[in-house]
């Protein structure tokens, strides 16, 4: 009977190649695990970080685009306000003066005379024109006038109201100051003409 050792020696061609193959695979796995696996994990971490940064940049870009869209909308609304509601004196002065008089007349506070002081608002490119007048009337008429101003489509503001009692009846003396804004045009922005040289001297 053969001993187990002799049997293994006689069958070296069977188990030696299998052992060599196993050892080679074990060595390759060890090299991969010790060397490449760590590198792959590091690269995966870098990739994840880059993807997160990309998501943050995309969110920032969307926020910036939203802000730009709002800025464009605001610019368009300001341009529309200047063009339509705050157009130049040459386009709106006659109409808005007539409207102030008409609203006062409808409310029973028709003024005998109006003053029209103006003020430049250089930083905004606007002119503030006021309508200052005094009338005699009642609280009811004053409230009606204020309501008419509120529903008017014109850009009119009530700046000041002063009341003084009338000892002879229910009517009051009412001092009113309204104002509106005009966009400056080229004529408003032009400097005053200088006197011609060589003119007559006094």
Protein backbone atom coordinates (compact mmCIF):
# COMPACT_ATOMS: atom_id res chain seq x y z
CA UNK A 1 0.00 0.00 0.00
CA UNK A 2 1.32 3.48 -0.92
CA UNK A 3 1.78 6.17 1.69
CA UNK A 4 -0.08 9.48 1.32
CA UNK A 5 3.19 11.34 0.76
CA UNK A 6 4.11 9.08 -2.17
CA UNK A 7 0.71 9.58 -3.73
CA UNK A 8 1.08 13.39 -3.57
CA UNK A 9 4.58 13.17 -5.05
CA UNK A 10 3.35 11.05 -7.94
CA UNK A 11 0.55 13.55 -8.68
CA UNK A 12 2.60 16.75 -8.60
CA UNK A 13 1.38 17.63 -12.09
CA UNK A 14 -2.17 17.86 -10.70
CA UNK A 15 -1.85 19.94 -7.55
CA UNK A 16 1.30 22.02 -8.15
CA UNK A 17 -0.20 24.09 -11.00
CA UNK A 18 -3.36 24.61 -8.94
CA UNK A 19 -1.28 25.75 -5.97
CA UNK A 20 0.77 28.10 -8.13
CA UNK A 21 -2.42 29.57 -9.64
CA UNK A 22 -3.91 30.06 -6.18
CA UNK A 23 -0.77 31.73 -4.84
CA UNK A 24 -0.58 34.01 -7.87
CA UNK A 25 -4.17 35.08 -7.42
CA UNK A 26 -3.66 35.57 -3.70
CA UNK A 27 -0.64 37.77 -4.40
CA UNK A 28 -2.50 39.79 -7.00
CA UNK A 29 -5.40 40.31 -4.64
CA UNK A 30 -3.03 41.42 -1.89
CA UNK A 31 -1.32 43.91 -4.25
CA UNK A 32 -4.72 45.25 -5.34
CA UNK A 33 -5.99 45.51 -1.80
CA UNK A 34 -2.88 47.21 -0.45
CA UNK A 35 -2.12 49.49 -3.41
CA UNK A 36 -4.86 50.09 -5.95
CA UNK A 37 -7.88 49.85 -3.64
CA UNK A 38 -6.64 52.77 -1.54
CA UNK A 39 -5.97 54.81 -4.65
CA UNK A 40 -9.41 54.03 -6.06
CA UNK A 41 -11.05 55.02 -2.79
CA UNK A 42 -9.06 58.27 -2.84
CA UNK A 43 -10.10 58.96 -6.45
CA UNK A 44 -13.71 58.18 -5.58
CA UNK A 45 -13.56 60.64 -2.71
CA UNK A 46 -12.14 63.31 -5.01
CA UNK A 47 -14.85 62.57 -7.57
CA UNK A 48 -17.57 62.88 -4.92
CA UNK A 49 -16.10 66.20 -3.75
CA UNK A 50 -15.97 67.53 -7.32
CA UNK A 51 -19.57 66.48 -7.91
CA UNK A 52 -20.68 68.24 -4.73
CA UNK A 53 -18.79 71.37 -5.78
CA UNK A 54 -20.40 71.17 -9.22
CA UNK A 55 -23.84 71.00 -7.61
CA UNK A 56 -23.04 74.06 -5.47
CA UNK A 57 -21.82 75.99 -8.52
CA UNK A 58 -24.95 75.02 -10.44
CA UNK A 59 -27.11 76.28 -7.54
CA UNK A 60 -25.12 79.54 -7.45
CA UNK A 61 -25.53 79.93 -11.21
CA UNK A 62 -29.30 79.45 -10.91
CA UNK A 63 -29.39 82.04 -8.12
CA UNK A 64 -27.35 84.49 -10.21
CA UNK A 65 -29.62 83.98 -13.22
CA UNK A 66 -32.67 84.61 -11.03
CA UNK A 67 -31.12 87.82 -9.69
CA UNK A 68 -30.24 88.97 -13.22
CA UNK A 69 -33.79 88.30 -14.35
CA UNK A 70 -35.12 90.37 -11.44
CA UNK A 71 -32.70 93.19 -12.23
CA UNK A 72 -33.81 93.20 -15.89
CA UNK A 73 -37.45 93.21 -14.80
CA UNK A 74 -36.82 96.10 -12.42
CA UNK A 75 -34.97 98.04 -15.13
CA UNK A 76 -37.86 97.50 -17.54
CA UNK A 77 -40.37 98.61 -14.91
CA UNK A 78 -38.31 101.74 -14.13
CA UNK A 79 -38.06 102.54 -17.84
CA UNK A 80 -41.81 102.04 -18.20
CA UNK A 81 -42.44 104.25 -15.16
CA UNK A 82 -40.28 107.02 -16.59
CA UNK A 83 -41.77 106.68 -20.07
CA UNK A 84 -45.45 106.40 -19.12
CA UNK A 85 -46.11 107.67 -15.60
CA UNK A 86 -43.20 110.13 -15.26
CA UNK A 87 -42.87 111.35 -18.81
CA UNK A 88 -41.54 114.82 -19.60
CA UNK A 89 -43.22 118.13 -18.84
CA UNK A 90 -43.78 118.75 -22.54
CA UNK A 91 -45.98 115.64 -22.66
CA UNK A 92 -47.82 115.80 -19.33
CA UNK A 93 -47.77 119.34 -17.97
CA UNK A 94 -50.94 120.65 -19.64
CA UNK A 95 -52.94 117.50 -18.99
CA UNK A 96 -51.98 117.08 -15.35
CA UNK A 97 -52.58 120.75 -14.55
CA UNK A 98 -56.05 120.47 -16.05
CA UNK A 99 -56.65 117.26 -14.09
CA UNK A 100 -55.75 118.89 -10.76
CA UNK A 101 -58.22 121.70 -11.46
CA UNK A 102 -60.90 119.23 -12.58
CA UNK A 103 -60.55 117.03 -9.48
CA UNK A 104 -60.76 120.07 -7.22
CA UNK A 105 -63.84 121.30 -9.08
CA UNK A 106 -65.57 117.88 -8.82
CA UNK A 107 -65.04 117.80 -5.07
CA UNK A 108 -66.32 121.36 -4.58
CA UNK A 109 -62.88 122.80 -3.78
CA UNK A 110 -62.26 124.78 -6.95
CA UNK A 111 -59.25 127.06 -6.37
CA UNK A 112 -59.17 130.66 -7.47
CA UNK A 113 -55.43 130.57 -8.14
CA UNK A 114 -52.59 128.04 -8.07
CA UNK A 115 -48.84 128.34 -7.52
CA UNK A 116 -46.46 125.98 -9.32
CA UNK A 117 -43.09 125.77 -7.53
CA UNK A 118 -40.58 123.31 -8.97
CA UNK A 119 -37.58 121.42 -7.59
CA UNK A 120 -34.82 119.54 -9.41
CA UNK A 121 -34.01 116.01 -8.22
CA UNK A 122 -30.67 115.70 -10.01
CA UNK A 123 -29.68 112.23 -8.77
CA UNK A 124 -32.85 110.70 -10.25
CA UNK A 125 -33.10 112.87 -13.36
CA UNK A 126 -36.52 114.15 -12.26
CA UNK A 127 -38.33 117.44 -11.72
CA UNK A 128 -40.81 117.76 -8.87
CA UNK A 129 -43.63 120.16 -9.70
CA UNK A 130 -46.03 121.24 -6.96
CA UNK A 131 -49.57 122.59 -7.12
CA UNK A 132 -50.21 124.86 -4.13
CA UNK A 133 -53.60 126.49 -3.54
CA UNK A 134 -56.04 127.51 -0.83
CA UNK A 135 -59.82 126.94 -0.85
CA UNK A 136 -62.81 127.12 1.45
CA UNK A 137 -64.79 123.91 1.95
CA UNK A 138 -66.01 121.21 4.30
CA UNK A 139 -64.51 117.96 5.59
CA UNK A 140 -66.82 116.06 3.25
CA UNK A 141 -65.50 117.95 0.23
CA UNK A 142 -61.92 117.42 1.38
CA UNK A 143 -62.45 113.66 1.75
CA UNK A 144 -64.01 113.53 -1.71
CA UNK A 145 -61.00 115.36 -3.16
CA UNK A 146 -58.57 112.95 -1.47
CA UNK A 147 -60.57 109.95 -2.78
CA UNK A 148 -60.44 111.36 -6.31
CA UNK A 149 -56.66 111.73 -6.00
CA UNK A 150 -56.32 108.10 -4.83
CA UNK A 151 -58.24 106.68 -7.81
CA UNK A 152 -56.54 108.94 -10.35
CA UNK A 153 -54.22 107.18 -12.79
CA UNK A 154 -51.89 110.17 -12.79
CA UNK A 155 -48.84 110.22 -10.56
CA UNK A 156 -50.17 112.79 -8.07
CA UNK A 157 -49.22 112.95 -4.40
CA UNK A 158 -50.88 114.92 -1.62
CA UNK A 159 -47.94 116.49 0.22
CA UNK A 160 -49.62 118.76 2.74
CA UNK A 161 -53.06 119.70 4.08
CA UNK A 162 -53.60 122.52 6.55
CA UNK A 163 -57.01 123.36 8.02
CA UNK A 164 -58.26 126.51 9.71
CA UNK A 165 -61.73 126.94 11.19
CA UNK A 166 -64.26 129.44 9.93
CA UNK A 167 -66.13 131.21 12.69
CA UNK A 168 -69.02 132.18 10.39
CA UNK A 169 -70.02 128.65 9.29
CA UNK A 170 -69.12 124.97 8.77
CA UNK A 171 -66.66 125.73 6.00
CA UNK A 172 -62.93 125.58 6.61
CA UNK A 173 -59.98 127.28 5.03
CA UNK A 174 -57.96 124.47 3.45
CA UNK A 175 -54.38 124.91 2.25
CA UNK A 176 -53.38 122.11 -0.11
CA UNK A 177 -50.06 121.14 -1.68
CA UNK A 178 -49.96 118.44 -4.37
CA UNK A 179 -46.99 117.32 -6.43
CA UNK A 180 -46.04 115.21 -9.38
CA UNK A 181 -42.76 114.15 -10.98
CA UNK A 182 -41.56 114.71 -14.53
CA UNK A 183 -38.66 113.00 -16.24
CA UNK A 184 -36.10 115.49 -17.50
CA UNK A 185 -35.79 115.92 -21.23
CA UNK A 186 -32.97 117.44 -23.26
CA UNK A 187 -34.45 120.92 -22.91
CA UNK A 188 -34.55 120.64 -19.10
CA UNK A 189 -30.97 119.30 -18.96
CA UNK A 190 -29.53 122.02 -21.23
CA UNK A 191 -27.48 124.66 -19.38
CA UNK A 192 -28.61 128.29 -19.72
CA UNK A 193 -27.19 130.06 -22.74
CA UNK A 194 -24.16 132.26 -22.06
CA UNK A 195 -24.34 135.91 -23.13
CA UNK A 196 -22.77 136.60 -26.48
CA UNK A 197 -19.30 138.17 -26.31
CA UNK A 198 -18.94 141.77 -27.36
CA UNK A 199 -22.49 142.70 -26.37
CA UNK A 200 -23.51 146.19 -25.39
CA UNK A 201 -22.12 147.39 -22.11
CA UNK A 202 -23.97 149.52 -19.61
